[in-house]
Amino acid sequence: MDRNYTYRILKCLYEVHSQLGPGLLESIYEEAVVQELSDNGFEVSRQVNIPVRYKGRKIAADLRLDVIVDNKVILELKSVSEYKSVFEKQLYTYLRLSDCELGYVVNFN
């Protein structure tokens, strides 16, 4: 994936954090991230349901991703005071189950 492309995404995330600061609800950051990315020419989907299969059969519950950029980058948004390594493991699983190439865990606190 092109470095300039990922830089543009990270720049949008930084802009949201710079404007809003820490301490807000994840849903507020999600709304702002979607707006910022859209304003910068990205195709953005939020709260995307991804079907999960187990042994070839679809499980009734879908996986829900916070934000997908251009159908190839997952943004897992957090607003927590304590960052946990399980967030990264969760993202790796999301990448494995989706068709996305790259992902970021973004903690706004």
PDB file of N, CA and C in Angstrom:
ATOM      1  N   MET A   1       0.847  -1.170   0.000  1.00  0.00           N
ATOM      2  CA  MET A   1       0.000   0.000   0.000  1.00  0.00           C
ATOM      3  C   MET A   1       0.899   1.242   0.000  1.00  0.00           C
ATOM      4  N   ASP A   2       0.517   2.213  -0.719  1.00  0.00           N
ATOM      5  CA  ASP A   2       1.288   3.436  -0.900  1.00  0.00           C
ATOM      6  C   ASP A   2       1.419   4.225   0.408  1.00  0.00           C
ATOM      7  N   ARG A   3       2.643   4.657   0.718  1.00  0.00           N
ATOM      8  CA  ARG A   3       2.884   5.415   1.953  1.00  0.00           C
ATOM      9  C   ARG A   3       2.115   6.731   2.003  1.00  0.00           C
ATOM     10  N   ASN A   4       1.993   7.392   0.864  1.00  0.00           N
ATOM     11  CA  ASN A   4       1.256   8.648   0.815  1.00  0.00           C
ATOM     12  C   ASN A   4      -0.217   8.421   1.169  1.00  0.00           C
ATOM     13  N   TYR A   5      -0.755   7.322   0.688  1.00  0.00           N
ATOM     14  CA  TYR A   5      -2.153   6.976   0.978  1.00  0.00           C
ATOM     15  C   TYR A   5      -2.366   6.809   2.481  1.00  0.00           C
ATOM     16  N   THR A   6      -1.531   6.000   3.122  1.00  0.00           N
ATOM     17  CA  THR A   6      -1.678   5.774   4.565  1.00  0.00           C
ATOM     18  C   THR A   6      -1.380   7.051   5.354  1.00  0.00           C
ATOM     19  N   TYR A   7      -0.446   7.855   4.881  1.00  0.00           N
ATOM     20  CA  TYR A   7      -0.146   9.131   5.532  1.00  0.00           C
ATOM     21  C   TYR A   7      -1.386  10.027   5.535  1.00  0.00           C
ATOM     22  N   ARG A   8      -2.110  10.059   4.415  1.00  0.00           N
ATOM     23  CA  ARG A   8      -3.317  10.891   4.324  1.00  0.00           C
ATOM     24  C   ARG A   8      -4.379  10.436   5.327  1.00  0.00           C
ATOM     25  N   ILE A   9      -4.508   9.123   5.504  1.00  0.00           N
ATOM     26  CA  ILE A   9      -5.464   8.609   6.487  1.00  0.00           C
ATOM     27  C   ILE A   9      -5.040   9.023   7.892  1.00  0.00           C
ATOM     28  N   LEU A  10      -3.771   8.806   8.215  1.00  0.00           N
ATOM     29  CA  LEU A  10      -3.270   9.161   9.547  1.00  0.00           C
ATOM     30  C   LEU A  10      -3.381  10.660   9.811  1.00  0.00           C
ATOM     31  N   LYS A  11      -3.174  11.455   8.795  1.00  0.00           N
ATOM     32  CA  LYS A  11      -3.310  12.905   8.927  1.00  0.00           C
ATOM     33  C   LYS A  11      -4.755  13.278   9.304  1.00  0.00           C
ATOM     34  N   CYS A  12      -5.721  12.602   8.711  1.00  0.00           N
ATOM     35  CA  CYS A  12      -7.128  12.842   9.056  1.00  0.00           C
ATOM     36  C   CYS A  12      -7.406  12.467  10.506  1.00  0.00           C
ATOM     37  N   LEU A  13      -6.861  11.337  10.942  1.00  0.00           N
ATOM     38  CA  LEU A  13      -7.062  10.905  12.332  1.00  0.00           C
ATOM     39  C   LEU A  13      -6.430  11.891  13.300  1.00  0.00           C
ATOM     40  N   TYR A  14      -5.251  12.367  12.966  1.00  0.00           N
ATOM     41  CA  TYR A  14      -4.571  13.351  13.805  1.00  0.00           C
ATOM     42  C   TYR A  14      -5.385  14.649  13.877  1.00  0.00           C
ATOM     43  N   GLU A  15      -5.960  15.042  12.765  1.00  0.00           N
ATOM     44  CA  GLU A  15      -6.762  16.268  12.733  1.00  0.00           C
ATOM     45  C   GLU A  15      -7.970  16.158  13.674  1.00  0.00           C
ATOM     46  N   VAL A  16      -8.628  15.018  13.654  1.00  0.00           N
ATOM     47  CA  VAL A  16      -9.765  14.815  14.556  1.00  0.00           C
ATOM     48  C   VAL A  16      -9.309  14.917  16.005  1.00  0.00           C
ATOM     49  N   HIS A  17      -8.202  14.255  16.324  1.00  0.00           N
ATOM     50  CA  HIS A  17      -7.700  14.303  17.702  1.00  0.00           C
ATOM     51  C   HIS A  17      -7.295  15.720  18.083  1.00  0.00           C
ATOM     52  N   SER A  18      -6.673  16.438  17.180  1.00  0.00           N
ATOM     53  CA  SER A  18      -6.252  17.821  17.455  1.00  0.00           C
ATOM     54  C   SER A  18      -7.445  18.730  17.714  1.00  0.00           C
ATOM     55  N   GLN A  19      -8.507  18.546  16.952  1.00  0.00           N
ATOM     56  CA  GLN A  19      -9.680  19.406  17.075  1.00  0.00           C
ATOM     57  C   GLN A  19     -10.533  19.078  18.304  1.00  0.00           C
ATOM     58  N   LEU A  20     -10.693  17.781  18.599  1.00  0.00           N
ATOM     59  CA  LEU A  20     -11.604  17.382  19.675  1.00  0.00           C
ATOM     60  C   LEU A  20     -10.910  17.098  21.005  1.00  0.00           C
ATOM     61  N   GLY A  21      -9.654  16.649  20.956  1.00  0.00           N
ATOM     62  CA  GLY A  21      -8.947  16.298  22.182  1.00  0.00           C
ATOM     63  C   GLY A  21      -9.470  14.995  22.775  1.00  0.00           C
ATOM     64  N   PRO A  22      -8.932  14.602  23.923  1.00  0.00           N
ATOM     65  CA  PRO A  22      -9.332  13.341  24.552  1.00  0.00           C
ATOM     66  C   PRO A  22     -10.599  13.493  25.391  1.00  0.00           C
ATOM     67  N   GLY A  23     -11.164  12.335  25.778  1.00  0.00           N
ATOM     68  CA  GLY A  23     -12.224  12.323  26.779  1.00  0.00           C
ATOM     69  C   GLY A  23     -13.645  12.229  26.279  1.00  0.00           C
ATOM     70  N   LEU A  24     -13.839  12.159  24.963  1.00  0.00           N
ATOM     71  CA  LEU A  24     -15.202  12.067  24.439  1.00  0.00           C
ATOM     72  C   LEU A  24     -15.586  10.610  24.194  1.00  0.00           C
ATOM     73  N   LEU A  25     -16.838  10.382  23.891  1.00  0.00           N
ATOM     74  CA  LEU A  25     -17.314   9.043  23.567  1.00  0.00           C
ATOM     75  C   LEU A  25     -16.786   8.595  22.212  1.00  0.00           C
ATOM     76  N   GLU A  26     -16.592   7.293  22.083  1.00  0.00           N
ATOM     77  CA  GLU A  26     -16.113   6.719  20.818  1.00  0.00           C
ATOM     78  C   GLU A  26     -17.022   7.102  19.646  1.00  0.00           C
ATOM     79  N   SER A  27     -18.322   7.138  19.880  1.00  0.00           N
ATOM     80  CA  SER A  27     -19.271   7.466  18.802  1.00  0.00           C
ATOM     81  C   SER A  27     -19.048   8.876  18.251  1.00  0.00           C
ATOM     82  N   ILE A  28     -18.626   9.801  19.093  1.00  0.00           N
ATOM     83  CA  ILE A  28     -18.345  11.168  18.641  1.00  0.00           C
ATOM     84  C   ILE A  28     -17.107  11.176  17.757  1.00  0.00           C
ATOM     85  N   TYR A  29     -16.067  10.466  18.188  1.00  0.00           N
ATOM     86  CA  TYR A  29     -14.862  10.380  17.361  1.00  0.00           C
ATOM     87  C   TYR A  29     -15.166   9.704  16.028  1.00  0.00           C
ATOM     88  N   GLU A  30     -15.986   8.673  16.073  1.00  0.00           N
ATOM     89  CA  GLU A  30     -16.338   7.967  14.833  1.00  0.00           C
ATOM     90  C   GLU A  30     -17.002   8.915  13.840  1.00  0.00           C
ATOM     91  N   GLU A  31     -17.942   9.686  14.321  1.00  0.00           N
ATOM     92  CA  GLU A  31     -18.639  10.653  13.461  1.00  0.00           C
ATOM     93  C   GLU A  31     -17.656  11.653  12.851  1.00  0.00           C
ATOM     94  N   ALA A  32     -16.762  12.172  13.674  1.00  0.00           N
ATOM     95  CA  ALA A  32     -15.777  13.145  13.197  1.00  0.00           C
ATOM     96  C   ALA A  32     -14.789  12.512  12.215  1.00  0.00           C
ATOM     97  N   VAL A  33     -14.354  11.282  12.494  1.00  0.00           N
ATOM     98  CA  VAL A  33     -13.421  10.586  11.603  1.00  0.00           C
ATOM     99  C   VAL A  33     -14.058  10.364  10.237  1.00  0.00           C
ATOM    100  N   VAL A  34     -15.303   9.922  10.230  1.00  0.00           N
ATOM    101  CA  VAL A  34     -16.005   9.699   8.968  1.00  0.00           C
ATOM    102  C   VAL A  34     -16.109  11.010   8.179  1.00  0.00           C
ATOM    103  N   GLN A  35     -16.453  12.072   8.867  1.00  0.00           N
ATOM    104  CA  GLN A  35     -16.569  13.382   8.211  1.00  0.00           C
ATOM    105  C   GLN A  35     -15.214  13.831   7.646  1.00  0.00           C
ATOM    106  N   GLU A  36     -14.167  13.733   8.445  1.00  0.00           N
ATOM    107  CA  GLU A  36     -12.833  14.187   8.018  1.00  0.00           C
ATOM    108  C   GLU A  36     -12.324  13.371   6.831  1.00  0.00           C
ATOM    109  N   LEU A  37     -12.468  12.064   6.908  1.00  0.00           N
ATOM    110  CA  LEU A  37     -12.010  11.213   5.801  1.00  0.00           C
ATOM    111  C   LEU A  37     -12.806  11.493   4.527  1.00  0.00           C
ATOM    112  N   SER A  38     -14.115  11.630   4.671  1.00  0.00           N
ATOM    113  CA  SER A  38     -14.967  11.938   3.510  1.00  0.00           C
ATOM    114  C   SER A  38     -14.586  13.275   2.889  1.00  0.00           C
ATOM    115  N   ASP A  39     -14.358  14.270   3.737  1.00  0.00           N
ATOM    116  CA  ASP A  39     -13.967  15.596   3.249  1.00  0.00           C
ATOM    117  C   ASP A  39     -12.632  15.568   2.507  1.00  0.00           C
ATOM    118  N   ASN A  40     -11.825  14.543   2.788  1.00  0.00           N
ATOM    119  CA  ASN A  40     -10.515  14.422   2.139  1.00  0.00           C
ATOM    120  C   ASN A  40     -10.510  13.400   1.003  1.00  0.00           C
ATOM    121  N   GLY A  41     -11.690  13.067   0.512  1.00  0.00           N
ATOM    122  CA  GLY A  41     -11.797  12.267  -0.699  1.00  0.00           C
ATOM    123  C   GLY A  41     -11.800  10.760  -0.533  1.00  0.00           C
ATOM    124  N   PHE A  42     -11.894  10.281   0.683  1.00  0.00           N
ATOM    125  CA  PHE A  42     -11.930   8.840   0.908  1.00  0.00           C
ATOM    126  C   PHE A  42     -13.379   8.345   0.869  1.00  0.00           C
ATOM    127  N   GLU A  43     -13.550   7.105   0.447  1.00  0.00           N
ATOM    128  CA  GLU A  43     -14.849   6.434   0.543  1.00  0.00           C
ATOM    129  C   GLU A  43     -14.885   5.769   1.913  1.00  0.00           C
ATOM    130  N   VAL A  44     -15.868   6.123   2.715  1.00  0.00           N
ATOM    131  CA  VAL A  44     -15.895   5.673   4.106  1.00  0.00           C
ATOM    132  C   VAL A  44     -17.217   4.973   4.419  1.00  0.00           C
ATOM    133  N   SER A  45     -17.103   3.829   5.093  1.00  0.00           N
ATOM    134  CA  SER A  45     -18.273   3.103   5.584  1.00  0.00           C
ATOM    135  C   SER A  45     -18.107   2.936   7.087  1.00  0.00           C
ATOM    136  N   ARG A  46     -19.211   3.049   7.812  1.00  0.00           N
ATOM    137  CA  ARG A  46     -19.130   2.897   9.265  1.00  0.00           C
ATOM    138  C   ARG A  46     -20.089   1.824   9.746  1.00  0.00           C
ATOM    139  N   GLN A  47     -19.708   1.195  10.870  1.00  0.00           N
ATOM    140  CA  GLN A  47     -20.497   0.122  11.465  1.00  0.00           C
ATOM    141  C   GLN A  47     -20.868  -0.915  10.409  1.00  0.00           C
ATOM    142  N   VAL A  48     -19.838  -1.450   9.769  1.00  0.00           N
ATOM    143  CA  VAL A  48     -20.002  -2.400   8.666  1.00  0.00           C
ATOM    144  C   VAL A  48     -20.110  -3.824   9.212  1.00  0.00           C
ATOM    145  N   ASN A  49     -21.151  -4.519   8.819  1.00  0.00           N
ATOM    146  CA  ASN A  49     -21.335  -5.911   9.223  1.00  0.00           C
ATOM    147  C   ASN A  49     -20.569  -6.834   8.283  1.00  0.00           C
ATOM    148  N   ILE A  50     -19.765  -7.710   8.857  1.00  0.00           N
ATOM    149  CA  ILE A  50     -18.996  -8.696   8.104  1.00  0.00           C
ATOM    150  C   ILE A  50     -19.480 -10.078   8.563  1.00  0.00           C
ATOM    151  N   PRO A  51     -19.950 -10.909   7.623  1.00  0.00           N
ATOM    152  CA  PRO A  51     -20.383 -12.247   8.034  1.00  0.00           C
ATOM    153  C   PRO A  51     -19.203 -13.089   8.515  1.00  0.00           C
ATOM    154  N   VAL A  52     -19.453 -13.908   9.519  1.00  0.00           N
ATOM    155  CA  VAL A  52     -18.432 -14.790  10.065  1.00  0.00           C
ATOM    156  C   VAL A  52     -18.850 -16.230   9.769  1.00  0.00           C
ATOM    157  N   ARG A  53     -17.871 -17.019   9.309  1.00  0.00           N
ATOM    158  CA  ARG A  53     -18.129 -18.419   9.000  1.00  0.00           C
ATOM    159  C   ARG A  53     -17.341 -19.303   9.951  1.00  0.00           C
ATOM    160  N   TYR A  54     -17.979 -20.376  10.354  1.00  0.00           N
ATOM    161  CA  TYR A  54     -17.318 -21.376  11.188  1.00  0.00           C
ATOM    162  C   TYR A  54     -17.528 -22.735  10.520  1.00  0.00           C
ATOM    163  N   LYS A  55     -16.420 -23.368  10.167  1.00  0.00           N
ATOM    164  CA  LYS A  55     -16.451 -24.666   9.479  1.00  0.00           C
ATOM    165  C   LYS A  55     -17.374 -24.639   8.272  1.00  0.00           C
ATOM    166  N   GLY A  56     -17.260 -23.541   7.517  1.00  0.00           N
ATOM    167  CA  GLY A  56     -18.006 -23.423   6.272  1.00  0.00           C
ATOM    168  C   GLY A  56     -19.427 -22.920   6.394  1.00  0.00           C
ATOM    169  N   ARG A  57     -19.913 -22.758   7.598  1.00  0.00           N
ATOM    170  CA  ARG A  57     -21.285 -22.276   7.782  1.00  0.00           C
ATOM    171  C   ARG A  57     -21.287 -20.890   8.400  1.00  0.00           C
ATOM    172  N   LYS A  58     -22.222 -20.068   7.929  1.00  0.00           N
ATOM    173  CA  LYS A  58     -22.341 -18.713   8.444  1.00  0.00           C
ATOM    174  C   LYS A  58     -22.904 -18.749   9.862  1.00  0.00           C
ATOM    175  N   ILE A  59     -22.268 -18.012  10.738  1.00  0.00           N
ATOM    176  CA  ILE A  59     -22.739 -17.847  12.114  1.00  0.00           C
ATOM    177  C   ILE A  59     -23.797 -16.746  12.113  1.00  0.00           C
ATOM    178  N   ALA A  60     -24.793 -16.874  12.958  1.00  0.00           N
ATOM    179  CA  ALA A  60     -25.909 -15.918  12.971  1.00  0.00           C
ATOM    180  C   ALA A  60     -25.455 -14.489  13.267  1.00  0.00           C
ATOM    181  N   ALA A  61     -24.489 -14.330  14.160  1.00  0.00           N
ATOM    182  CA  ALA A  61     -24.021 -12.983  14.527  1.00  0.00           C
ATOM    183  C   ALA A  61     -22.918 -12.543  13.576  1.00  0.00           C
ATOM    184  N   ASP A  62     -23.040 -11.330  13.076  1.00  0.00           N
ATOM    185  CA  ASP A  62     -22.003 -10.752  12.219  1.00  0.00           C
ATOM    186  C   ASP A  62     -20.979 -10.005  13.062  1.00  0.00           C
ATOM    187  N   LEU A  63     -19.825  -9.822  12.481  1.00  0.00           N
ATOM    188  CA  LEU A  63     -18.789  -8.983  13.054  1.00  0.00           C
ATOM    189  C   LEU A  63     -19.100  -7.552  12.628  1.00  0.00           C
ATOM    190  N   ARG A  64     -18.953  -6.589  13.520  1.00  0.00           N
ATOM    191  CA  ARG A  64     -19.229  -5.194  13.169  1.00  0.00           C
ATOM    192  C   ARG A  64     -17.941  -4.386  13.293  1.00  0.00           C
ATOM    193  N   LEU A  65     -17.522  -3.817  12.163  1.00  0.00           N
ATOM    194  CA  LEU A  65     -16.305  -3.009  12.119  1.00  0.00           C
ATOM    195  C   LEU A  65     -16.669  -1.537  12.264  1.00  0.00           C
ATOM    196  N   ASP A  66     -15.862  -0.796  13.016  1.00  0.00           N
ATOM    197  CA  ASP A  66     -16.153   0.629  13.248  1.00  0.00           C
ATOM    198  C   ASP A  66     -16.167   1.422  11.946  1.00  0.00           C
ATOM    199  N   VAL A  67     -15.016   1.438  11.256  1.00  0.00           N
ATOM    200  CA  VAL A  67     -14.883   2.232  10.035  1.00  0.00           C
ATOM    201  C   VAL A  67     -14.031   1.459   9.032  1.00  0.00           C
ATOM    202  N   ILE A  68     -14.455   1.476   7.767  1.00  0.00           N
ATOM    203  CA  ILE A  68     -13.637   0.933   6.682  1.00  0.00           C
ATOM    204  C   ILE A  68     -13.422   2.042   5.665  1.00  0.00           C
ATOM    205  N   VAL A  69     -12.169   2.234   5.285  1.00  0.00           N
ATOM    206  CA  VAL A  69     -11.789   3.270   4.336  1.00  0.00           C
ATOM    207  C   VAL A  69     -11.497   2.611   2.991  1.00  0.00           C
ATOM    208  N   ASP A  70     -12.186   3.063   1.953  1.00  0.00           N
ATOM    209  CA  ASP A  70     -11.981   2.578   0.583  1.00  0.00           C
ATOM    210  C   ASP A  70     -12.030   1.055   0.467  1.00  0.00           C
ATOM    211  N   ASN A  71     -12.782   0.421   1.306  1.00  0.00           N
ATOM    212  CA  ASN A  71     -12.930  -1.034   1.309  1.00  0.00           C
ATOM    213  C   ASN A  71     -11.616  -1.780   1.475  1.00  0.00           C
ATOM    214  N   LYS A  72     -10.604  -1.122   2.087  1.00  0.00           N
ATOM    215  CA  LYS A  72      -9.327  -1.817   2.267  1.00  0.00           C
ATOM    216  C   LYS A  72      -8.602  -1.515   3.564  1.00  0.00           C
ATOM    217  N   VAL A  73      -9.033  -0.522   4.325  1.00  0.00           N
ATOM    218  CA  VAL A  73      -8.375  -0.182   5.591  1.00  0.00           C
ATOM    219  C   VAL A  73      -9.415  -0.150   6.710  1.00  0.00           C
ATOM    220  N   ILE A  74      -9.167  -0.940   7.759  1.00  0.00           N
ATOM    221  CA  ILE A  74     -10.050  -0.974   8.927  1.00  0.00           C
ATOM    222  C   ILE A  74      -9.530   0.015   9.965  1.00  0.00           C
ATOM    223  N   LEU A  75     -10.423   0.813  10.508  1.00  0.00           N
ATOM    224  CA  LEU A  75     -10.092   1.678  11.635  1.00  0.00           C
ATOM    225  C   LEU A  75     -10.911   1.205  12.827  1.00  0.00           C
ATOM    226  N   GLU A  76     -10.243   0.677  13.818  1.00  0.00           N
ATOM    227  CA  GLU A  76     -10.893   0.243  15.063  1.00  0.00           C
ATOM    228  C   GLU A  76     -10.691   1.380  16.060  1.00  0.00           C
ATOM    229  N   LEU A  77     -11.752   2.096  16.349  1.00  0.00           N
ATOM    230  CA  LEU A  77     -11.664   3.292  17.177  1.00  0.00           C
ATOM    231  C   LEU A  77     -11.921   2.963  18.640  1.00  0.00           C
ATOM    232  N   LYS A  78     -11.116   3.565  19.495  1.00  0.00           N
ATOM    233  CA  LYS A  78     -11.238   3.388  20.943  1.00  0.00           C
ATOM    234  C   LYS A  78     -11.190   4.752  21.616  1.00  0.00           C
ATOM    235  N   SER A  79     -11.787   4.808  22.790  1.00  0.00           N
ATOM    236  CA  SER A  79     -11.691   5.985  23.642  1.00  0.00           C
ATOM    237  C   SER A  79     -11.584   5.461  25.076  1.00  0.00           C
ATOM    238  N   VAL A  80     -10.420   4.904  25.370  1.00  0.00           N
ATOM    239  CA  VAL A  80     -10.201   4.240  26.663  1.00  0.00           C
ATOM    240  C   VAL A  80      -8.960   4.818  27.342  1.00  0.00           C
ATOM    241  N   SER A  81      -8.966   4.782  28.666  1.00  0.00           N
ATOM    242  CA  SER A  81      -7.822   5.299  29.406  1.00  0.00           C
ATOM    243  C   SER A  81      -6.682   4.291  29.458  1.00  0.00           C
ATOM    244  N   GLU A  82      -7.010   3.012  29.326  1.00  0.00           N
ATOM    245  CA  GLU A  82      -5.978   1.980  29.372  1.00  0.00           C
ATOM    246  C   GLU A  82      -5.997   1.172  28.077  1.00  0.00           C
ATOM    247  N   TYR A  83      -4.924   1.282  27.305  1.00  0.00           N
ATOM    248  CA  TYR A  83      -4.802   0.541  26.046  1.00  0.00           C
ATOM    249  C   TYR A  83      -4.402  -0.898  26.367  1.00  0.00           C
ATOM    250  N   LYS A  84      -5.060  -1.847  25.719  1.00  0.00           N
ATOM    251  CA  LYS A  84      -4.780  -3.261  25.965  1.00  0.00           C
ATOM    252  C   LYS A  84      -4.322  -3.936  24.682  1.00  0.00           C
ATOM    253  N   SER A  85      -3.409  -4.890  24.824  1.00  0.00           N
ATOM    254  CA  SER A  85      -2.868  -5.589  23.653  1.00  0.00           C
ATOM    255  C   SER A  85      -3.939  -6.399  22.928  1.00  0.00           C
ATOM    256  N   VAL A  86      -5.022  -6.735  23.613  1.00  0.00           N
ATOM    257  CA  VAL A  86      -6.092  -7.487  22.965  1.00  0.00           C
ATOM    258  C   VAL A  86      -6.724  -6.684  21.828  1.00  0.00           C
ATOM    259  N   PHE A  87      -6.637  -5.364  21.873  1.00  0.00           N
ATOM    260  CA  PHE A  87      -7.168  -4.534  20.797  1.00  0.00           C
ATOM    261  C   PHE A  87      -6.467  -4.864  19.476  1.00  0.00           C
ATOM    262  N   GLU A  88      -5.157  -5.061  19.527  1.00  0.00           N
ATOM    263  CA  GLU A  88      -4.396  -5.398  18.320  1.00  0.00           C
ATOM    264  C   GLU A  88      -4.751  -6.802  17.839  1.00  0.00           C
ATOM    265  N   LYS A  89      -4.905  -7.740  18.761  1.00  0.00           N
ATOM    266  CA  LYS A  89      -5.294  -9.106  18.399  1.00  0.00           C
ATOM    267  C   LYS A  89      -6.667  -9.105  17.742  1.00  0.00           C
ATOM    268  N   GLN A  90      -7.551  -8.290  18.269  1.00  0.00           N
ATOM    269  CA  GLN A  90      -8.885  -8.134  17.704  1.00  0.00           C
ATOM    270  C   GLN A  90      -8.786  -7.621  16.268  1.00  0.00           C
ATOM    271  N   LEU A  91      -7.943  -6.623  16.050  1.00  0.00           N
ATOM    272  CA  LEU A  91      -7.774  -6.068  14.711  1.00  0.00           C
ATOM    273  C   LEU A  91      -7.214  -7.114  13.751  1.00  0.00           C
ATOM    274  N   TYR A  92      -6.239  -7.897  14.181  1.00  0.00           N
ATOM    275  CA  TYR A  92      -5.689  -8.956  13.320  1.00  0.00           C
ATOM    276  C   TYR A  92      -6.780  -9.942  12.916  1.00  0.00           C
ATOM    277  N   THR A  93      -7.655 -10.278  13.835  1.00  0.00           N
ATOM    278  CA  THR A  93      -8.767 -11.170  13.508  1.00  0.00           C
ATOM    279  C   THR A  93      -9.700 -10.514  12.504  1.00  0.00           C
ATOM    280  N   TYR A  94      -9.992  -9.247  12.688  1.00  0.00           N
ATOM    281  CA  TYR A  94     -10.836  -8.512  11.739  1.00  0.00           C
ATOM    282  C   TYR A  94     -10.227  -8.534  10.343  1.00  0.00           C
ATOM    283  N   LEU A  95      -8.924  -8.312  10.268  1.00  0.00           N
ATOM    284  CA  LEU A  95      -8.252  -8.326   8.971  1.00  0.00           C
ATOM    285  C   LEU A  95      -8.345  -9.705   8.324  1.00  0.00           C
ATOM    286  N   ARG A  96      -8.170 -10.735   9.124  1.00  0.00           N
ATOM    287  CA  ARG A  96      -8.225 -12.101   8.606  1.00  0.00           C
ATOM    288  C   ARG A  96      -9.622 -12.446   8.088  1.00  0.00           C
ATOM    289  N   LEU A  97     -10.656 -11.970   8.754  1.00  0.00           N
ATOM    290  CA  LEU A  97     -12.021 -12.303   8.379  1.00  0.00           C
ATOM    291  C   LEU A  97     -12.602 -11.400   7.292  1.00  0.00           C
ATOM    292  N   SER A  98     -11.943 -10.301   7.011  1.00  0.00           N
ATOM    293  CA  SER A  98     -12.429  -9.363   5.990  1.00  0.00           C
ATOM    294  C   SER A  98     -11.501  -9.408   4.784  1.00  0.00           C
ATOM    295  N   ASP A  99     -11.820  -8.615   3.797  1.00  0.00           N
ATOM    296  CA  ASP A  99     -10.965  -8.490   2.615  1.00  0.00           C
ATOM    297  C   ASP A  99     -10.043  -7.282   2.712  1.00  0.00           C
ATOM    298  N   CYS A 100      -9.904  -6.720   3.892  1.00  0.00           N
ATOM    299  CA  CYS A 100      -9.104  -5.515   4.069  1.00  0.00           C
ATOM    300  C   CYS A 100      -7.617  -5.849   4.160  1.00  0.00           C
ATOM    301  N   GLU A 101      -6.795  -4.916   3.693  1.00  0.00           N
ATOM    302  CA  GLU A 101      -5.351  -5.108   3.623  1.00  0.00           C
ATOM    303  C   GLU A 101      -4.601  -4.571   4.840  1.00  0.00           C
ATOM    304  N   LEU A 102      -5.166  -3.577   5.495  1.00  0.00           N
ATOM    305  CA  LEU A 102      -4.452  -2.869   6.546  1.00  0.00           C
ATOM    306  C   LEU A 102      -5.451  -2.406   7.603  1.00  0.00           C
ATOM    307  N   GLY A 103      -4.986  -2.236   8.810  1.00  0.00           N
ATOM    308  CA  GLY A 103      -5.851  -1.729   9.861  1.00  0.00           C
ATOM    309  C   GLY A 103      -5.079  -0.949  10.893  1.00  0.00           C
ATOM    310  N   TYR A 104      -5.793  -0.083  11.591  1.00  0.00           N
ATOM    311  CA  TYR A 104      -5.222   0.703  12.673  1.00  0.00           C
ATOM    312  C   TYR A 104      -6.163   0.651  13.868  1.00  0.00           C
ATOM    313  N   VAL A 105      -5.584   0.481  15.048  1.00  0.00           N
ATOM    314  CA  VAL A 105      -6.324   0.702  16.292  1.00  0.00           C
ATOM    315  C   VAL A 105      -6.004   2.134  16.686  1.00  0.00           C
ATOM    316  N   VAL A 106      -7.038   2.943  16.838  1.00  0.00           N
ATOM    317  CA  VAL A 106      -6.848   4.358  17.145  1.00  0.00           C
ATOM    318  C   VAL A 106      -7.513   4.662  18.482  1.00  0.00           C
ATOM    319  N   ASN A 107      -6.694   5.014  19.471  1.00  0.00           N
ATOM    320  CA  ASN A 107      -7.217   5.390  20.781  1.00  0.00           C
ATOM    321  C   ASN A 107      -7.146   6.908  20.917  1.00  0.00           C
ATOM    322  N   PHE A 108      -8.288   7.546  21.074  1.00  0.00           N
ATOM    323  CA  PHE A 108      -8.321   9.004  21.149  1.00  0.00           C
ATOM    324  C   PHE A 108      -8.069   9.544  22.543  1.00  0.00           C
ATOM    325  N   ASN A 109      -7.861   8.670  23.522  1.00  0.00           N
ATOM    326  CA  ASN A 109      -7.551   9.172  24.877  1.00  0.00           C
ATOM    327  C   ASN A 109      -6.080   9.184  25.119  1.00  0.00           C
TER     328      ASN A 109
END
